[in-house]
Amino acid sequence: MKILQQLKSRWGITSNWQVLVILIVFACTGFTALYARRFVFNLIGIIDTDPFWLKAVVWLVTILPLYNIFLLIYGALFGQFDFFWAFFKKMMSRMVPGKSGSGG
């Protein structure tokens, strides 16, 4: 149960139920991104024998943004949009130079 307390503290939440819902959202998002990757790679024509660098670039340009969209969609569907919107802004502030993460 110590890990639940750590997650609640780190995420600024109080309920074990909310931790469970947030973990479910992350799981659903990951599975959806996995299927989206297959779909996008097939659509573009990327195959197993293509170089890793090409697959990595396509993944970064297509799947990473889709992952963030899926995260917000699932977060809204599971009633945790505010948490995931704050999570998204914090993540973007770390990924994009010059972004403060405090906007809108």
N, C-alpha and C. Protein backbone atom coordinates (compact mmCIF):
# COMPACT_ATOMS: atom_id res chain seq x y z
N MET A 1 0.81 -1.20 0.00
CA MET A 1 0.00 0.00 0.00
C MET A 1 0.85 1.26 0.00
N LYS A 2 2.15 1.11 0.28
CA LYS A 2 3.03 2.27 0.29
C LYS A 2 3.09 2.93 -1.09
N ILE A 3 3.05 2.11 -2.15
CA ILE A 3 3.12 2.67 -3.49
C ILE A 3 1.88 3.52 -3.80
N LEU A 4 0.73 3.12 -3.29
CA LEU A 4 -0.48 3.94 -3.48
C LEU A 4 -0.32 5.30 -2.82
N GLN A 5 0.24 5.31 -1.63
CA GLN A 5 0.47 6.58 -0.93
C GLN A 5 1.45 7.46 -1.71
N GLN A 6 2.47 6.85 -2.27
CA GLN A 6 3.45 7.60 -3.05
C GLN A 6 2.82 8.18 -4.30
N LEU A 7 2.01 7.39 -4.98
CA LEU A 7 1.33 7.89 -6.18
C LEU A 7 0.37 9.02 -5.84
N LYS A 8 -0.39 8.84 -4.79
CA LYS A 8 -1.34 9.89 -4.38
C LYS A 8 -0.60 11.18 -4.05
N SER A 9 0.49 11.06 -3.35
CA SER A 9 1.28 12.23 -2.99
C SER A 9 1.88 12.91 -4.22
N ARG A 10 2.46 12.09 -5.09
CA ARG A 10 3.10 12.62 -6.30
C ARG A 10 2.09 13.29 -7.24
N TRP A 11 0.92 12.69 -7.37
CA TRP A 11 -0.09 13.19 -8.29
C TRP A 11 -1.03 14.22 -7.65
N GLY A 12 -0.93 14.42 -6.36
CA GLY A 12 -1.77 15.40 -5.70
C GLY A 12 -3.23 14.98 -5.60
N ILE A 13 -3.47 13.70 -5.37
CA ILE A 13 -4.83 13.20 -5.24
C ILE A 13 -4.98 12.52 -3.87
N THR A 14 -6.21 12.23 -3.49
CA THR A 14 -6.43 11.68 -2.15
C THR A 14 -7.07 10.30 -2.15
N SER A 15 -7.62 9.89 -3.25
CA SER A 15 -8.42 8.67 -3.28
C SER A 15 -7.69 7.50 -3.94
N ASN A 16 -7.76 6.32 -3.32
CA ASN A 16 -7.23 5.11 -3.95
C ASN A 16 -7.99 4.81 -5.24
N TRP A 17 -9.28 5.10 -5.24
CA TRP A 17 -10.11 4.88 -6.42
C TRP A 17 -9.59 5.72 -7.59
N GLN A 18 -9.22 6.97 -7.33
CA GLN A 18 -8.72 7.83 -8.39
C GLN A 18 -7.39 7.30 -8.93
N VAL A 19 -6.55 6.76 -8.06
CA VAL A 19 -5.29 6.15 -8.52
C VAL A 19 -5.60 5.01 -9.48
N LEU A 20 -6.55 4.16 -9.11
CA LEU A 20 -6.93 3.04 -9.97
C LEU A 20 -7.44 3.52 -11.32
N VAL A 21 -8.30 4.52 -11.31
CA VAL A 21 -8.85 5.05 -12.57
C VAL A 21 -7.74 5.64 -13.43
N ILE A 22 -6.82 6.37 -12.82
CA ILE A 22 -5.71 6.96 -13.57
C ILE A 22 -4.83 5.87 -14.18
N LEU A 23 -4.54 4.82 -13.45
CA LEU A 23 -3.75 3.71 -13.98
C LEU A 23 -4.48 3.01 -15.12
N ILE A 24 -5.80 2.88 -15.01
CA ILE A 24 -6.58 2.29 -16.09
C ILE A 24 -6.51 3.16 -17.34
N VAL A 25 -6.57 4.47 -17.16
CA VAL A 25 -6.46 5.39 -18.30
C VAL A 25 -5.11 5.23 -18.98
N PHE A 26 -4.04 5.16 -18.19
CA PHE A 26 -2.71 4.96 -18.79
C PHE A 26 -2.66 3.62 -19.55
N ALA A 27 -3.24 2.58 -19.00
CA ALA A 27 -3.23 1.27 -19.66
C ALA A 27 -4.01 1.31 -20.98
N CYS A 28 -5.19 1.89 -20.94
CA CYS A 28 -6.02 1.99 -22.16
C CYS A 28 -5.31 2.81 -23.23
N THR A 29 -4.68 3.89 -22.80
CA THR A 29 -3.96 4.75 -23.74
C THR A 29 -2.79 3.99 -24.37
N GLY A 30 -2.06 3.24 -23.57
CA GLY A 30 -0.94 2.48 -24.10
C GLY A 30 -1.37 1.44 -25.12
N PHE A 31 -2.45 0.71 -24.81
CA PHE A 31 -2.95 -0.29 -25.76
C PHE A 31 -3.45 0.37 -27.04
N THR A 32 -4.12 1.49 -26.91
CA THR A 32 -4.63 2.19 -28.09
C THR A 32 -3.47 2.70 -28.94
N ALA A 33 -2.44 3.22 -28.31
CA ALA A 33 -1.27 3.70 -29.06
C ALA A 33 -0.57 2.55 -29.77
N LEU A 34 -0.56 1.39 -29.14
CA LEU A 34 0.03 0.21 -29.76
C LEU A 34 -0.71 -0.16 -31.05
N TYR A 35 -2.03 -0.18 -30.98
CA TYR A 35 -2.83 -0.47 -32.17
C TYR A 35 -2.73 0.65 -33.20
N ALA A 36 -2.65 1.89 -32.74
CA ALA A 36 -2.50 3.02 -33.67
C ALA A 36 -1.18 2.92 -34.42
N ARG A 37 -0.14 2.49 -33.71
CA ARG A 37 1.17 2.32 -34.35
C ARG A 37 1.08 1.30 -35.48
N ARG A 38 0.46 0.17 -35.20
CA ARG A 38 0.30 -0.85 -36.25
C ARG A 38 -0.44 -0.28 -37.45
N PHE A 39 -1.54 0.42 -37.17
CA PHE A 39 -2.35 0.99 -38.24
C PHE A 39 -1.56 2.01 -39.05
N VAL A 40 -0.90 2.94 -38.37
CA VAL A 40 -0.15 4.00 -39.05
C VAL A 40 1.01 3.41 -39.83
N PHE A 41 1.74 2.49 -39.23
CA PHE A 41 2.88 1.89 -39.93
C PHE A 41 2.41 1.12 -41.17
N ASN A 42 1.30 0.40 -41.07
CA ASN A 42 0.76 -0.30 -42.24
C ASN A 42 0.30 0.69 -43.29
N LEU A 43 -0.34 1.76 -42.86
CA LEU A 43 -0.84 2.78 -43.79
C LEU A 43 0.30 3.43 -44.57
N ILE A 44 1.39 3.71 -43.88
CA ILE A 44 2.55 4.36 -44.50
C ILE A 44 3.40 3.35 -45.27
N GLY A 45 3.31 2.08 -44.90
CA GLY A 45 4.09 1.05 -45.58
C GLY A 45 5.39 0.70 -44.87
N ILE A 46 5.48 1.04 -43.61
CA ILE A 46 6.67 0.69 -42.82
C ILE A 46 6.59 -0.81 -42.49
N ILE A 47 7.69 -1.52 -42.75
CA ILE A 47 7.72 -2.96 -42.46
C ILE A 47 8.87 -3.26 -41.50
N ASP A 48 8.91 -4.49 -41.01
CA ASP A 48 9.91 -4.89 -40.01
C ASP A 48 11.35 -4.68 -40.48
N THR A 49 11.58 -4.82 -41.78
CA THR A 49 12.95 -4.72 -42.29
C THR A 49 13.40 -3.27 -42.52
N ASP A 50 12.52 -2.32 -42.36
CA ASP A 50 12.92 -0.92 -42.49
C ASP A 50 13.87 -0.56 -41.36
N PRO A 51 14.75 0.41 -41.60
CA PRO A 51 15.73 0.77 -40.56
C PRO A 51 15.05 1.32 -39.30
N PHE A 52 15.69 1.05 -38.17
CA PHE A 52 15.15 1.49 -36.89
C PHE A 52 14.96 3.01 -36.85
N TRP A 53 15.93 3.75 -37.39
CA TRP A 53 15.85 5.21 -37.33
C TRP A 53 14.60 5.71 -38.03
N LEU A 54 14.20 5.07 -39.14
CA LEU A 54 13.00 5.47 -39.86
C LEU A 54 11.76 5.20 -39.02
N LYS A 55 11.71 4.03 -38.41
CA LYS A 55 10.57 3.70 -37.56
C LYS A 55 10.49 4.65 -36.36
N ALA A 56 11.65 4.99 -35.80
CA ALA A 56 11.68 5.90 -34.65
C ALA A 56 11.17 7.29 -35.03
N VAL A 57 11.59 7.78 -36.18
CA VAL A 57 11.15 9.11 -36.62
C VAL A 57 9.65 9.11 -36.88
N VAL A 58 9.16 8.10 -37.57
CA VAL A 58 7.71 8.02 -37.85
C VAL A 58 6.94 7.91 -36.54
N TRP A 59 7.45 7.13 -35.60
CA TRP A 59 6.79 7.00 -34.30
C TRP A 59 6.72 8.34 -33.60
N LEU A 60 7.84 9.06 -33.56
CA LEU A 60 7.87 10.37 -32.88
C LEU A 60 6.92 11.37 -33.51
N VAL A 61 6.83 11.35 -34.83
CA VAL A 61 6.01 12.34 -35.53
C VAL A 61 4.53 11.98 -35.50
N THR A 62 4.19 10.71 -35.44
CA THR A 62 2.78 10.32 -35.52
C THR A 62 2.22 9.78 -34.20
N ILE A 63 2.87 8.81 -33.63
CA ILE A 63 2.29 8.10 -32.49
C ILE A 63 2.42 8.91 -31.20
N LEU A 64 3.51 9.60 -30.98
CA LEU A 64 3.65 10.38 -29.76
C LEU A 64 2.55 11.43 -29.63
N PRO A 65 2.25 12.21 -30.67
CA PRO A 65 1.13 13.15 -30.55
C PRO A 65 -0.22 12.43 -30.37
N LEU A 66 -0.39 11.31 -31.07
CA LEU A 66 -1.63 10.55 -30.90
C LEU A 66 -1.78 10.03 -29.47
N TYR A 67 -0.67 9.61 -28.87
CA TYR A 67 -0.71 9.12 -27.49
C TYR A 67 -1.27 10.21 -26.57
N ASN A 68 -0.80 11.42 -26.75
CA ASN A 68 -1.27 12.52 -25.90
C ASN A 68 -2.76 12.81 -26.13
N ILE A 69 -3.20 12.71 -27.36
CA ILE A 69 -4.63 12.90 -27.66
C ILE A 69 -5.44 11.78 -27.02
N PHE A 70 -4.97 10.55 -27.17
CA PHE A 70 -5.67 9.41 -26.55
C PHE A 70 -5.73 9.57 -25.03
N LEU A 71 -4.65 10.04 -24.45
CA LEU A 71 -4.61 10.23 -23.00
C LEU A 71 -5.69 11.21 -22.55
N LEU A 72 -5.84 12.30 -23.27
CA LEU A 72 -6.88 13.28 -22.92
C LEU A 72 -8.28 12.73 -23.16
N ILE A 73 -8.45 11.99 -24.25
CA ILE A 73 -9.77 11.40 -24.54
C ILE A 73 -10.16 10.39 -23.46
N TYR A 74 -9.26 9.46 -23.16
CA TYR A 74 -9.57 8.47 -22.12
C TYR A 74 -9.73 9.15 -20.76
N GLY A 75 -8.91 10.15 -20.50
CA GLY A 75 -9.05 10.88 -19.25
C GLY A 75 -10.43 11.50 -19.11
N ALA A 76 -10.94 12.07 -20.20
CA ALA A 76 -12.29 12.65 -20.18
C ALA A 76 -13.35 11.57 -20.02
N LEU A 77 -13.19 10.47 -20.75
CA LEU A 77 -14.18 9.38 -20.65
C LEU A 77 -14.25 8.78 -19.25
N PHE A 78 -13.13 8.76 -18.55
CA PHE A 78 -13.09 8.19 -17.21
C PHE A 78 -13.24 9.26 -16.11
N GLY A 79 -13.59 10.49 -16.52
CA GLY A 79 -13.85 11.55 -15.55
C GLY A 79 -12.61 12.16 -14.91
N GLN A 80 -11.47 12.04 -15.57
CA GLN A 80 -10.21 12.54 -15.01
C GLN A 80 -9.54 13.55 -15.95
N PHE A 81 -10.34 14.27 -16.73
CA PHE A 81 -9.77 15.18 -17.72
C PHE A 81 -8.86 16.23 -17.07
N ASP A 82 -9.30 16.81 -15.95
CA ASP A 82 -8.50 17.86 -15.31
C ASP A 82 -7.12 17.34 -14.92
N PHE A 83 -7.07 16.14 -14.37
CA PHE A 83 -5.78 15.54 -14.00
C PHE A 83 -4.90 15.37 -15.24
N PHE A 84 -5.47 14.83 -16.32
CA PHE A 84 -4.65 14.55 -17.50
C PHE A 84 -4.33 15.81 -18.29
N TRP A 85 -5.16 16.84 -18.21
CA TRP A 85 -4.83 18.11 -18.85
C TRP A 85 -3.61 18.72 -18.14
N ALA A 86 -3.61 18.69 -16.80
CA ALA A 86 -2.45 19.18 -16.04
C ALA A 86 -1.22 18.33 -16.33
N PHE A 87 -1.41 17.01 -16.42
CA PHE A 87 -0.32 16.09 -16.73
C PHE A 87 0.26 16.41 -18.11
N PHE A 88 -0.62 16.64 -19.08
CA PHE A 88 -0.21 16.96 -20.45
C PHE A 88 0.60 18.26 -20.47
N LYS A 89 0.11 19.29 -19.80
CA LYS A 89 0.81 20.57 -19.78
C LYS A 89 2.19 20.44 -19.14
N LYS A 90 2.27 19.66 -18.07
CA LYS A 90 3.54 19.45 -17.39
C LYS A 90 4.51 18.70 -18.30
N MET A 91 4.00 17.69 -18.99
CA MET A 91 4.83 16.91 -19.91
C MET A 91 5.33 17.80 -21.06
N MET A 92 4.45 18.63 -21.59
CA MET A 92 4.85 19.50 -22.70
C MET A 92 5.89 20.52 -22.25
N SER A 93 5.77 21.00 -21.02
CA SER A 93 6.75 21.97 -20.52
C SER A 93 8.13 21.34 -20.42
N ARG A 94 8.16 20.03 -20.22
CA ARG A 94 9.45 19.32 -20.15
C ARG A 94 9.99 18.98 -21.53
N MET A 95 9.10 18.80 -22.50
CA MET A 95 9.52 18.36 -23.84
C MET A 95 9.82 19.52 -24.78
N VAL A 96 9.10 20.63 -24.63
CA VAL A 96 9.23 21.73 -25.56
C VAL A 96 9.94 22.89 -24.88
N PRO A 97 11.11 23.25 -25.37
CA PRO A 97 11.81 24.37 -24.75
C PRO A 97 11.00 25.65 -24.85
N GLY A 98 11.02 26.44 -23.78
CA GLY A 98 10.33 27.72 -23.79
C GLY A 98 8.88 27.64 -23.35
N LYS A 99 8.34 26.42 -23.18
CA LYS A 99 6.96 26.26 -22.71
C LYS A 99 6.97 26.24 -21.20
N SER A 100 6.08 27.02 -20.60
CA SER A 100 6.05 27.06 -19.14
C SER A 100 5.08 26.03 -18.57
N GLY A 101 4.14 25.56 -19.39
CA GLY A 101 3.16 24.60 -18.91
C GLY A 101 2.05 25.22 -18.10
N SER A 102 2.00 26.55 -18.05
CA SER A 102 0.97 27.20 -17.25
C SER A 102 -0.15 27.77 -18.09
N GLY A 103 -0.10 27.60 -19.40
CA GLY A 103 -1.12 28.19 -20.27
C GLY A 103 -2.42 27.46 -20.23
N GLY A 104 -3.52 28.17 -20.59
CA GLY A 104 -4.88 27.74 -20.77
C GLY A 104 -5.37 26.61 -20.08
